[in-house]
Each structure stands twice: as structure tokens, then as C-alpha cells.
Amino acid sequence: LNCKDASYIKYLNPVWNHSFAWHKFEECNDYP
């Protein structure tokens, strides 16, 4: 995977721009 002595992360998105909105985190707290 050519990641010796490194990591592979496909991409990073700032939390405030991401399509995965911050309110989704709050939903986790209400999950059964």
C-alpha cells in the first residue's frame, strides 16, 4: 500500500464545510 512510515487518508474535509453536517453528531447522542 506504499504507506510504511506514513498513513493513508483519502482526504480531509473541514467539519464546517462537509456535507456531513454537525447536526448529525447530535443525532448520535439521541441514538437508542
PDB file of all heavy atoms in Angstrom:
ATOM      1  N   LEU A   1       0.815  -1.211   0.000  1.00  0.00           N
ATOM      2  CA  LEU A   1       0.000   0.000   0.000  1.00  0.00           C
ATOM      3  C   LEU A   1       0.854   1.268   0.000  1.00  0.00           C
ATOM      4  O   LEU A   1       0.334   2.373  -0.010  1.00  0.00           O
ATOM      5  CB  LEU A   1      -0.937   0.014   1.217  1.00  0.00           C
ATOM      6  CG  LEU A   1      -2.003  -1.064   1.241  1.00  0.00           C
ATOM      7  CD1 LEU A   1      -2.834  -0.962   2.515  1.00  0.00           C
ATOM      8  CD2 LEU A   1      -2.892  -0.993   0.009  1.00  0.00           C
ATOM      9  N   ASN A   2       2.164   1.063  -0.001  1.00  0.00           N
ATOM     10  CA  ASN A   2       3.118   2.173  -0.036  1.00  0.00           C
ATOM     11  C   ASN A   2       2.858   3.173   1.099  1.00  0.00           C
ATOM     12  O   ASN A   2       2.822   4.378   0.884  1.00  0.00           O
ATOM     13  CB  ASN A   2       3.075   2.880  -1.393  1.00  0.00           C
ATOM     14  CG  ASN A   2       4.287   3.756  -1.597  1.00  0.00           C
ATOM     15  OD1 ASN A   2       5.339   3.507  -1.018  1.00  0.00           O
ATOM     16  ND2 ASN A   2       4.130   4.786  -2.401  1.00  0.00           N
ATOM     17  N   CYS A   3       2.680   2.644   2.314  1.00  0.00           N
ATOM     18  CA  CYS A   3       2.447   3.557   3.442  1.00  0.00           C
ATOM     19  C   CYS A   3       3.290   3.190   4.656  1.00  0.00           C
ATOM     20  O   CYS A   3       2.889   3.423   5.787  1.00  0.00           O
ATOM     21  CB  CYS A   3       0.962   3.626   3.778  1.00  0.00           C
ATOM     22  SG  CYS A   3       0.240   2.098   4.333  1.00  0.00           S
ATOM     23  N   LYS A   4       4.448   2.622   4.418  1.00  0.00           N
ATOM     24  CA  LYS A   4       5.366   2.367   5.523  1.00  0.00           C
ATOM     25  C   LYS A   4       5.868   3.715   6.038  1.00  0.00           C
ATOM     26  O   LYS A   4       6.203   4.600   5.260  1.00  0.00           O
ATOM     27  CB  LYS A   4       6.526   1.508   5.048  1.00  0.00           C
ATOM     28  CG  LYS A   4       7.225   0.806   6.182  1.00  0.00           C
ATOM     29  CD  LYS A   4       8.098  -0.308   5.656  1.00  0.00           C
ATOM     30  CE  LYS A   4       8.303  -1.269   6.800  1.00  0.00           C
ATOM     31  NZ  LYS A   4       8.583  -2.588   6.406  1.00  0.00           N
ATOM     32  N   ASP A   5       5.922   3.867   7.334  1.00  0.00           N
ATOM     33  CA  ASP A   5       6.317   5.125   7.972  1.00  0.00           C
ATOM     34  C   ASP A   5       5.407   6.283   7.589  1.00  0.00           C
ATOM     35  O   ASP A   5       5.819   7.446   7.593  1.00  0.00           O
ATOM     36  CB  ASP A   5       7.769   5.484   7.632  1.00  0.00           C
ATOM     37  CG  ASP A   5       8.738   4.403   8.097  1.00  0.00           C
ATOM     38  OD1 ASP A   5       8.519   3.855   9.193  1.00  0.00           O
ATOM     39  OD2 ASP A   5       9.683   4.110   7.358  1.00  0.00           O
ATOM     40  N   ALA A   6       4.170   5.997   7.222  1.00  0.00           N
ATOM     41  CA  ALA A   6       3.214   7.035   6.860  1.00  0.00           C
ATOM     42  C   ALA A   6       1.805   6.517   7.102  1.00  0.00           C
ATOM     43  O   ALA A   6       1.611   5.397   7.542  1.00  0.00           O
ATOM     44  CB  ALA A   6       3.390   7.418   5.390  1.00  0.00           C
ATOM     45  N   SER A   7       0.861   7.340   6.788  1.00  0.00           N
ATOM     46  CA  SER A   7      -0.551   6.963   6.894  1.00  0.00           C
ATOM     47  C   SER A   7      -1.218   7.253   5.566  1.00  0.00           C
ATOM     48  O   SER A   7      -0.744   8.071   4.783  1.00  0.00           O
ATOM     49  CB  SER A   7      -1.245   7.776   7.982  1.00  0.00           C
ATOM     50  OG  SER A   7      -0.663   7.544   9.226  1.00  0.00           O
ATOM     51  N   TYR A   8      -2.326   6.615   5.360  1.00  0.00           N
ATOM     52  CA  TYR A   8      -3.109   6.894   4.165  1.00  0.00           C
ATOM     53  C   TYR A   8      -4.481   7.369   4.608  1.00  0.00           C
ATOM     54  O   TYR A   8      -5.206   6.660   5.300  1.00  0.00           O
ATOM     55  CB  TYR A   8      -3.249   5.657   3.276  1.00  0.00           C
ATOM     56  CG  TYR A   8      -4.202   5.903   2.129  1.00  0.00           C
ATOM     57  CD1 TYR A   8      -3.807   6.638   1.027  1.00  0.00           C
ATOM     58  CD2 TYR A   8      -5.504   5.429   2.168  1.00  0.00           C
ATOM     59  CE1 TYR A   8      -4.672   6.894  -0.015  1.00  0.00           C
ATOM     60  CE2 TYR A   8      -6.387   5.678   1.132  1.00  0.00           C
ATOM     61  CZ  TYR A   8      -5.961   6.405   0.034  1.00  0.00           C
ATOM     62  OH  TYR A   8      -6.821   6.664  -0.991  1.00  0.00           O
ATOM     63  N   ILE A   9      -4.792   8.581   4.251  1.00  0.00           N
ATOM     64  CA  ILE A   9      -6.123   9.141   4.452  1.00  0.00           C
ATOM     65  C   ILE A   9      -6.513   9.726   3.110  1.00  0.00           C
ATOM     66  O   ILE A   9      -5.788  10.557   2.545  1.00  0.00           O
ATOM     67  CB  ILE A   9      -6.129  10.228   5.550  1.00  0.00           C
ATOM     68  CG1 ILE A   9      -5.716   9.617   6.888  1.00  0.00           C
ATOM     69  CG2 ILE A   9      -7.503  10.890   5.639  1.00  0.00           C
ATOM     70  CD1 ILE A   9      -5.560  10.623   8.005  1.00  0.00           C
ATOM     71  N   LYS A  10      -7.623   9.287   2.582  1.00  0.00           N
ATOM     72  CA  LYS A  10      -8.013   9.687   1.237  1.00  0.00           C
ATOM     73  C   LYS A  10      -8.148  11.203   1.120  1.00  0.00           C
ATOM     74  O   LYS A  10      -7.660  11.821   0.190  1.00  0.00           O
ATOM     75  CB  LYS A  10      -9.318   9.002   0.859  1.00  0.00           C
ATOM     76  CG  LYS A  10      -9.707   9.161  -0.578  1.00  0.00           C
ATOM     77  CD  LYS A  10     -10.883   8.283  -0.914  1.00  0.00           C
ATOM     78  CE  LYS A  10     -11.215   8.377  -2.376  1.00  0.00           C
ATOM     79  NZ  LYS A  10     -12.317   7.490  -2.729  1.00  0.00           N
ATOM     80  N   TYR A  11      -8.832  11.825   2.065  1.00  0.00           N
ATOM     81  CA  TYR A  11      -8.975  13.273   2.066  1.00  0.00           C
ATOM     82  C   TYR A  11      -9.519  13.716   3.416  1.00  0.00           C
ATOM     83  O   TYR A  11     -10.059  12.912   4.169  1.00  0.00           O
ATOM     84  CB  TYR A  11      -9.890  13.767   0.941  1.00  0.00           C
ATOM     85  CG  TYR A  11     -11.277  13.176   0.990  1.00  0.00           C
ATOM     86  CD1 TYR A  11     -12.280  13.751   1.770  1.00  0.00           C
ATOM     87  CD2 TYR A  11     -11.598  12.043   0.259  1.00  0.00           C
ATOM     88  CE1 TYR A  11     -13.543  13.204   1.823  1.00  0.00           C
ATOM     89  CE2 TYR A  11     -12.854  11.489   0.302  1.00  0.00           C
ATOM     90  CZ  TYR A  11     -13.837  12.077   1.084  1.00  0.00           C
ATOM     91  OH  TYR A  11     -15.084  11.531   1.147  1.00  0.00           O
ATOM     92  N   LEU A  12      -9.345  14.991   3.714  1.00  0.00           N
ATOM     93  CA  LEU A  12      -9.892  15.596   4.924  1.00  0.00           C
ATOM     94  C   LEU A  12     -10.805  16.736   4.513  1.00  0.00           C
ATOM     95  O   LEU A  12     -10.474  17.512   3.622  1.00  0.00           O
ATOM     96  CB  LEU A  12      -8.772  16.143   5.817  1.00  0.00           C
ATOM     97  CG  LEU A  12      -7.828  15.116   6.433  1.00  0.00           C
ATOM     98  CD1 LEU A  12      -6.672  15.830   7.139  1.00  0.00           C
ATOM     99  CD2 LEU A  12      -8.576  14.232   7.416  1.00  0.00           C
ATOM    100  N   ASN A  13     -11.941  16.817   5.157  1.00  0.00           N
ATOM    101  CA  ASN A  13     -12.863  17.922   4.923  1.00  0.00           C
ATOM    102  C   ASN A  13     -13.029  18.707   6.209  1.00  0.00           C
ATOM    103  O   ASN A  13     -13.219  18.107   7.267  1.00  0.00           O
ATOM    104  CB  ASN A  13     -14.248  17.412   4.518  1.00  0.00           C
ATOM    105  CG  ASN A  13     -14.303  16.916   3.113  1.00  0.00           C
ATOM    106  OD1 ASN A  13     -13.614  17.436   2.243  1.00  0.00           O
ATOM    107  ND2 ASN A  13     -15.118  15.918   2.867  1.00  0.00           N
ATOM    108  N   PRO A  14     -12.975  20.034   6.139  1.00  0.00           N
ATOM    109  CA  PRO A  14     -13.272  20.801   7.345  1.00  0.00           C
ATOM    110  C   PRO A  14     -14.691  20.497   7.807  1.00  0.00           C
ATOM    111  O   PRO A  14     -15.606  20.401   6.995  1.00  0.00           O
ATOM    112  CB  PRO A  14     -13.152  22.257   6.875  1.00  0.00           C
ATOM    113  CG  PRO A  14     -12.356  22.197   5.615  1.00  0.00           C
ATOM    114  CD  PRO A  14     -12.647  20.871   4.997  1.00  0.00           C
ATOM    115  N   VAL A  15     -14.865  20.349   9.091  1.00  0.00           N
ATOM    116  CA  VAL A  15     -16.161  19.945   9.620  1.00  0.00           C
ATOM    117  C   VAL A  15     -17.243  20.965   9.284  1.00  0.00           C
ATOM    118  O   VAL A  15     -18.391  20.615   9.107  1.00  0.00           O
ATOM    119  CB  VAL A  15     -16.077  19.655  11.132  1.00  0.00           C
ATOM    120  CG1 VAL A  15     -15.907  20.935  11.922  1.00  0.00           C
ATOM    121  CG2 VAL A  15     -17.273  18.858  11.608  1.00  0.00           C
ATOM    122  N   TRP A  16     -16.885  22.235   9.149  1.00  0.00           N
ATOM    123  CA  TRP A  16     -17.896  23.247   8.879  1.00  0.00           C
ATOM    124  C   TRP A  16     -18.305  23.287   7.407  1.00  0.00           C
ATOM    125  O   TRP A  16     -19.296  23.890   7.076  1.00  0.00           O
ATOM    126  CB  TRP A  16     -17.411  24.629   9.327  1.00  0.00           C
ATOM    127  CG  TRP A  16     -16.063  24.977   8.797  1.00  0.00           C
ATOM    128  CD1 TRP A  16     -15.759  25.540   7.596  1.00  0.00           C
ATOM    129  CD2 TRP A  16     -14.819  24.746   9.444  1.00  0.00           C
ATOM    130  NE1 TRP A  16     -14.406  25.679   7.453  1.00  0.00           N
ATOM    131  CE2 TRP A  16     -13.802  25.204   8.577  1.00  0.00           C
ATOM    132  CE3 TRP A  16     -14.464  24.204  10.673  1.00  0.00           C
ATOM    133  CZ2 TRP A  16     -12.459  25.125   8.907  1.00  0.00           C
ATOM    134  CZ3 TRP A  16     -13.124  24.141  10.989  1.00  0.00           C
ATOM    135  CH2 TRP A  16     -12.147  24.596  10.119  1.00  0.00           C
ATOM    136  N   ASN A  17     -17.540  22.658   6.497  1.00  0.00           N
ATOM    137  CA  ASN A  17     -17.890  22.632   5.071  1.00  0.00           C
ATOM    138  C   ASN A  17     -18.489  21.307   4.633  1.00  0.00           C
ATOM    139  O   ASN A  17     -19.024  21.205   3.551  1.00  0.00           O
ATOM    140  CB  ASN A  17     -16.644  22.838   4.203  1.00  0.00           C
ATOM    141  CG  ASN A  17     -16.099  24.220   4.268  1.00  0.00           C
ATOM    142  OD1 ASN A  17     -16.577  25.050   5.008  1.00  0.00           O
ATOM    143  ND2 ASN A  17     -15.068  24.470   3.488  1.00  0.00           N
ATOM    144  N   HIS A  18     -18.329  20.325   5.397  1.00  0.00           N
ATOM    145  CA  HIS A  18     -18.621  18.968   4.954  1.00  0.00           C
ATOM    146  C   HIS A  18     -20.114  18.742   4.764  1.00  0.00           C
ATOM    147  O   HIS A  18     -20.935  19.297   5.476  1.00  0.00           O
ATOM    148  CB  HIS A  18     -18.056  17.975   5.975  1.00  0.00           C
ATOM    149  CG  HIS A  18     -17.915  16.601   5.439  1.00  0.00           C
ATOM    150  ND1 HIS A  18     -18.929  15.703   5.442  1.00  0.00           N
ATOM    151  CD2 HIS A  18     -16.874  15.976   4.861  1.00  0.00           C
ATOM    152  CE1 HIS A  18     -18.526  14.577   4.908  1.00  0.00           C
ATOM    153  NE2 HIS A  18     -17.274  14.714   4.552  1.00  0.00           N
ATOM    154  N   SER A  19     -20.450  17.919   3.796  1.00  0.00           N
ATOM    155  CA  SER A  19     -21.854  17.562   3.576  1.00  0.00           C
ATOM    156  C   SER A  19     -22.406  16.786   4.764  1.00  0.00           C
ATOM    157  O   SER A  19     -23.600  16.728   4.973  1.00  0.00           O
ATOM    158  CB  SER A  19     -21.990  16.733   2.298  1.00  0.00           C
ATOM    159  OG  SER A  19     -21.254  15.538   2.430  1.00  0.00           O
ATOM    160  N   PHE A  20     -21.507  16.218   5.544  1.00  0.00           N
ATOM    161  CA  PHE A  20     -21.897  15.540   6.768  1.00  0.00           C
ATOM    162  C   PHE A  20     -21.983  16.609   7.849  1.00  0.00           C
ATOM    163  O   PHE A  20     -21.008  16.955   8.477  1.00  0.00           O
ATOM    164  CB  PHE A  20     -20.878  14.456   7.123  1.00  0.00           C
ATOM    165  CG  PHE A  20     -21.188  13.742   8.395  1.00  0.00           C
ATOM    166  CD1 PHE A  20     -22.303  12.940   8.487  1.00  0.00           C
ATOM    167  CD2 PHE A  20     -20.385  13.891   9.499  1.00  0.00           C
ATOM    168  CE1 PHE A  20     -22.599  12.289   9.656  1.00  0.00           C
ATOM    169  CE2 PHE A  20     -20.671  13.240  10.671  1.00  0.00           C
ATOM    170  CZ  PHE A  20     -21.780  12.439  10.751  1.00  0.00           C
ATOM    171  N   ALA A  21     -23.143  17.196   8.013  1.00  0.00           N
ATOM    172  CA  ALA A  21     -23.318  18.374   8.852  1.00  0.00           C
ATOM    173  C   ALA A  21     -23.128  18.067  10.339  1.00  0.00           C
ATOM    174  O   ALA A  21     -23.318  16.941  10.790  1.00  0.00           O
ATOM    175  CB  ALA A  21     -24.711  18.949   8.618  1.00  0.00           C
ATOM    176  N   TRP A  22     -22.770  19.099  11.072  1.00  0.00           N
ATOM    177  CA  TRP A  22     -22.517  18.956  12.504  1.00  0.00           C
ATOM    178  C   TRP A  22     -23.742  18.411  13.239  1.00  0.00           C
ATOM    179  O   TRP A  22     -23.617  17.694  14.223  1.00  0.00           O
ATOM    180  CB  TRP A  22     -22.101  20.300  13.089  1.00  0.00           C
ATOM    181  CG  TRP A  22     -21.636  20.169  14.494  1.00  0.00           C
ATOM    182  CD1 TRP A  22     -22.316  20.507  15.614  1.00  0.00           C
ATOM    183  CD2 TRP A  22     -20.413  19.603  14.934  1.00  0.00           C
ATOM    184  NE1 TRP A  22     -21.582  20.205  16.727  1.00  0.00           N
ATOM    185  CE2 TRP A  22     -20.405  19.647  16.338  1.00  0.00           C
ATOM    186  CE3 TRP A  22     -19.306  19.057  14.280  1.00  0.00           C
ATOM    187  CZ2 TRP A  22     -19.355  19.187  17.100  1.00  0.00           C
ATOM    188  CZ3 TRP A  22     -18.255  18.596  15.052  1.00  0.00           C
ATOM    189  CH2 TRP A  22     -18.282  18.651  16.430  1.00  0.00           C
ATOM    190  N   HIS A  23     -24.945  18.747  12.783  1.00  0.00           N
ATOM    191  CA  HIS A  23     -26.144  18.268  13.485  1.00  0.00           C
ATOM    192  C   HIS A  23     -26.223  16.748  13.488  1.00  0.00           C
ATOM    193  O   HIS A  23     -26.876  16.172  14.342  1.00  0.00           O
ATOM    194  CB  HIS A  23     -27.413  18.874  12.876  1.00  0.00           C
ATOM    195  CG  HIS A  23     -27.751  18.315  11.523  1.00  0.00           C
ATOM    196  ND1 HIS A  23     -27.187  18.794  10.361  1.00  0.00           N
ATOM    197  CD2 HIS A  23     -28.568  17.303  11.159  1.00  0.00           C
ATOM    198  CE1 HIS A  23     -27.665  18.108   9.339  1.00  0.00           C
ATOM    199  NE2 HIS A  23     -28.494  17.206   9.785  1.00  0.00           N
ATOM    200  N   LYS A  24     -25.545  16.076  12.568  1.00  0.00           N
ATOM    201  CA  LYS A  24     -25.545  14.611  12.567  1.00  0.00           C
ATOM    202  C   LYS A  24     -24.875  14.063  13.820  1.00  0.00           C
ATOM    203  O   LYS A  24     -25.247  13.028  14.324  1.00  0.00           O
ATOM    204  CB  LYS A  24     -24.837  14.064  11.326  1.00  0.00           C
ATOM    205  CG  LYS A  24     -25.586  14.287  10.052  1.00  0.00           C
ATOM    206  CD  LYS A  24     -26.806  13.412  10.021  1.00  0.00           C
ATOM    207  CE  LYS A  24     -27.509  13.508   8.699  1.00  0.00           C
ATOM    208  NZ  LYS A  24     -28.767  12.790   8.710  1.00  0.00           N
ATOM    209  N   PHE A  25     -23.859  14.779  14.335  1.00  0.00           N
ATOM    210  CA  PHE A  25     -23.216  14.334  15.559  1.00  0.00           C
ATOM    211  C   PHE A  25     -24.212  14.334  16.721  1.00  0.00           C
ATOM    212  O   PHE A  25     -24.207  13.462  17.563  1.00  0.00           O
ATOM    213  CB  PHE A  25     -22.015  15.211  15.910  1.00  0.00           C
ATOM    214  CG  PHE A  25     -20.845  15.018  15.003  1.00  0.00           C
ATOM    215  CD1 PHE A  25     -20.335  16.073  14.274  1.00  0.00           C
ATOM    216  CD2 PHE A  25     -20.244  13.776  14.884  1.00  0.00           C
ATOM    217  CE1 PHE A  25     -19.247  15.894  13.439  1.00  0.00           C
ATOM    218  CE2 PHE A  25     -19.146  13.594  14.054  1.00  0.00           C
ATOM    219  CZ  PHE A  25     -18.653  14.650  13.330  1.00  0.00           C
ATOM    220  N   GLU A  26     -25.046  15.353  16.758  1.00  0.00           N
ATOM    221  CA  GLU A  26     -26.042  15.431  17.826  1.00  0.00           C
ATOM    222  C   GLU A  26     -27.010  14.250  17.756  1.00  0.00           C
ATOM    223  O   GLU A  26     -27.473  13.754  18.767  1.00  0.00           O
ATOM    224  CB  GLU A  26     -26.803  16.749  17.757  1.00  0.00           C
ATOM    225  CG  GLU A  26     -25.991  17.938  18.206  1.00  0.00           C
ATOM    226  CD  GLU A  26     -25.487  17.796  19.638  1.00  0.00           C
ATOM    227  OE1 GLU A  26     -26.234  17.341  20.521  1.00  0.00           O
ATOM    228  OE2 GLU A  26     -24.314  18.147  19.862  1.00  0.00           O
ATOM    229  N   GLU A  27     -27.331  13.789  16.535  1.00  0.00           N
ATOM    230  CA  GLU A  27     -28.215  12.634  16.396  1.00  0.00           C
ATOM    231  C   GLU A  27     -27.630  11.407  17.083  1.00  0.00           C
ATOM    232  O   GLU A  27     -28.356  10.568  17.602  1.00  0.00           O
ATOM    233  CB  GLU A  27     -28.462  12.320  14.924  1.00  0.00           C
ATOM    234  CG  GLU A  27     -29.316  13.338  14.220  1.00  0.00           C
ATOM    235  CD  GLU A  27     -29.455  13.034  12.748  1.00  0.00           C
ATOM    236  OE1 GLU A  27     -29.079  11.923  12.309  1.00  0.00           O
ATOM    237  OE2 GLU A  27     -29.946  13.923  12.022  1.00  0.00           O
ATOM    238  N   CYS A  28     -26.304  11.302  17.088  1.00  0.00           N
ATOM    239  CA  CYS A  28     -25.660  10.158  17.731  1.00  0.00           C
ATOM    240  C   CYS A  28     -25.989  10.109  19.218  1.00  0.00           C
ATOM    241  O   CYS A  28     -26.144   9.037  19.794  1.00  0.00           O
ATOM    242  CB  CYS A  28     -24.141  10.221  17.567  1.00  0.00           C
ATOM    243  SG  CYS A  28     -23.596  10.168  15.879  1.00  0.00           S
ATOM    244  N   ASN A  29     -26.084  11.279  19.838  1.00  0.00           N
ATOM    245  CA  ASN A  29     -26.378  11.316  21.263  1.00  0.00           C
ATOM    246  C   ASN A  29     -27.792  10.860  21.573  1.00  0.00           C
ATOM    247  O   ASN A  29     -28.090  10.467  22.695  1.00  0.00           O
ATOM    248  CB  ASN A  29     -26.155  12.727  21.816  1.00  0.00           C
ATOM    249  CG  ASN A  29     -24.698  13.082  21.846  1.00  0.00           C
ATOM    250  OD1 ASN A  29     -23.841  12.216  21.968  1.00  0.00           O
ATOM    251  ND2 ASN A  29     -24.407  14.362  21.716  1.00  0.00           N
ATOM    252  N   ASP A  30     -28.682  10.927  20.591  1.00  0.00           N
ATOM    253  CA  ASP A  30     -30.066  10.502  20.803  1.00  0.00           C
ATOM    254  C   ASP A  30     -30.329   9.093  20.297  1.00  0.00           C
ATOM    255  O   ASP A  30     -31.445   8.612  20.352  1.00  0.00           O
ATOM    256  CB  ASP A  30     -31.016  11.473  20.085  1.00  0.00           C
ATOM    257  CG  ASP A  30     -30.920  12.873  20.656  1.00  0.00           C
ATOM    258  OD1 ASP A  30     -30.673  13.001  21.871  1.00  0.00           O
ATOM    259  OD2 ASP A  30     -31.085  13.832  19.883  1.00  0.00           O
ATOM    260  N   TYR A  31     -29.295   8.440  19.773  1.00  0.00           N
ATOM    261  CA  TYR A  31     -29.479   7.103  19.220  1.00  0.00           C
ATOM    262  C   TYR A  31     -29.875   6.137  20.335  1.00  0.00           C
ATOM    263  O   TYR A  31     -29.388   6.257  21.455  1.00  0.00           O
ATOM    264  CB  TYR A  31     -28.172   6.640  18.553  1.00  0.00           C
ATOM    265  CG  TYR A  31     -28.390   5.619  17.476  1.00  0.00           C
ATOM    266  CD1 TYR A  31     -28.866   6.001  16.238  1.00  0.00           C
ATOM    267  CD2 TYR A  31     -28.148   4.275  17.703  1.00  0.00           C
ATOM    268  CE1 TYR A  31     -29.073   5.078  15.239  1.00  0.00           C
ATOM    269  CE2 TYR A  31     -28.352   3.339  16.710  1.00  0.00           C
ATOM    270  CZ  TYR A  31     -28.817   3.751  15.481  1.00  0.00           C
ATOM    271  OH  TYR A  31     -29.028   2.833  14.507  1.00  0.00           O
ATOM    272  N   PRO A  32     -30.766   5.192  20.064  1.00  0.00           N
ATOM    273  CA  PRO A  32     -31.197   4.273  21.134  1.00  0.00           C
ATOM    274  C   PRO A  32     -30.005   3.583  21.782  1.00  0.00           C
ATOM    275  O   PRO A  32     -29.092   3.149  21.101  1.00  0.00           O
ATOM    276  CB  PRO A  32     -32.057   3.250  20.391  1.00  0.00           C
ATOM    277  CG  PRO A  32     -32.477   3.939  19.138  1.00  0.00           C
ATOM    278  CD  PRO A  32     -31.380   4.903  18.793  1.00  0.00           C
TER     279      PRO A  32
END
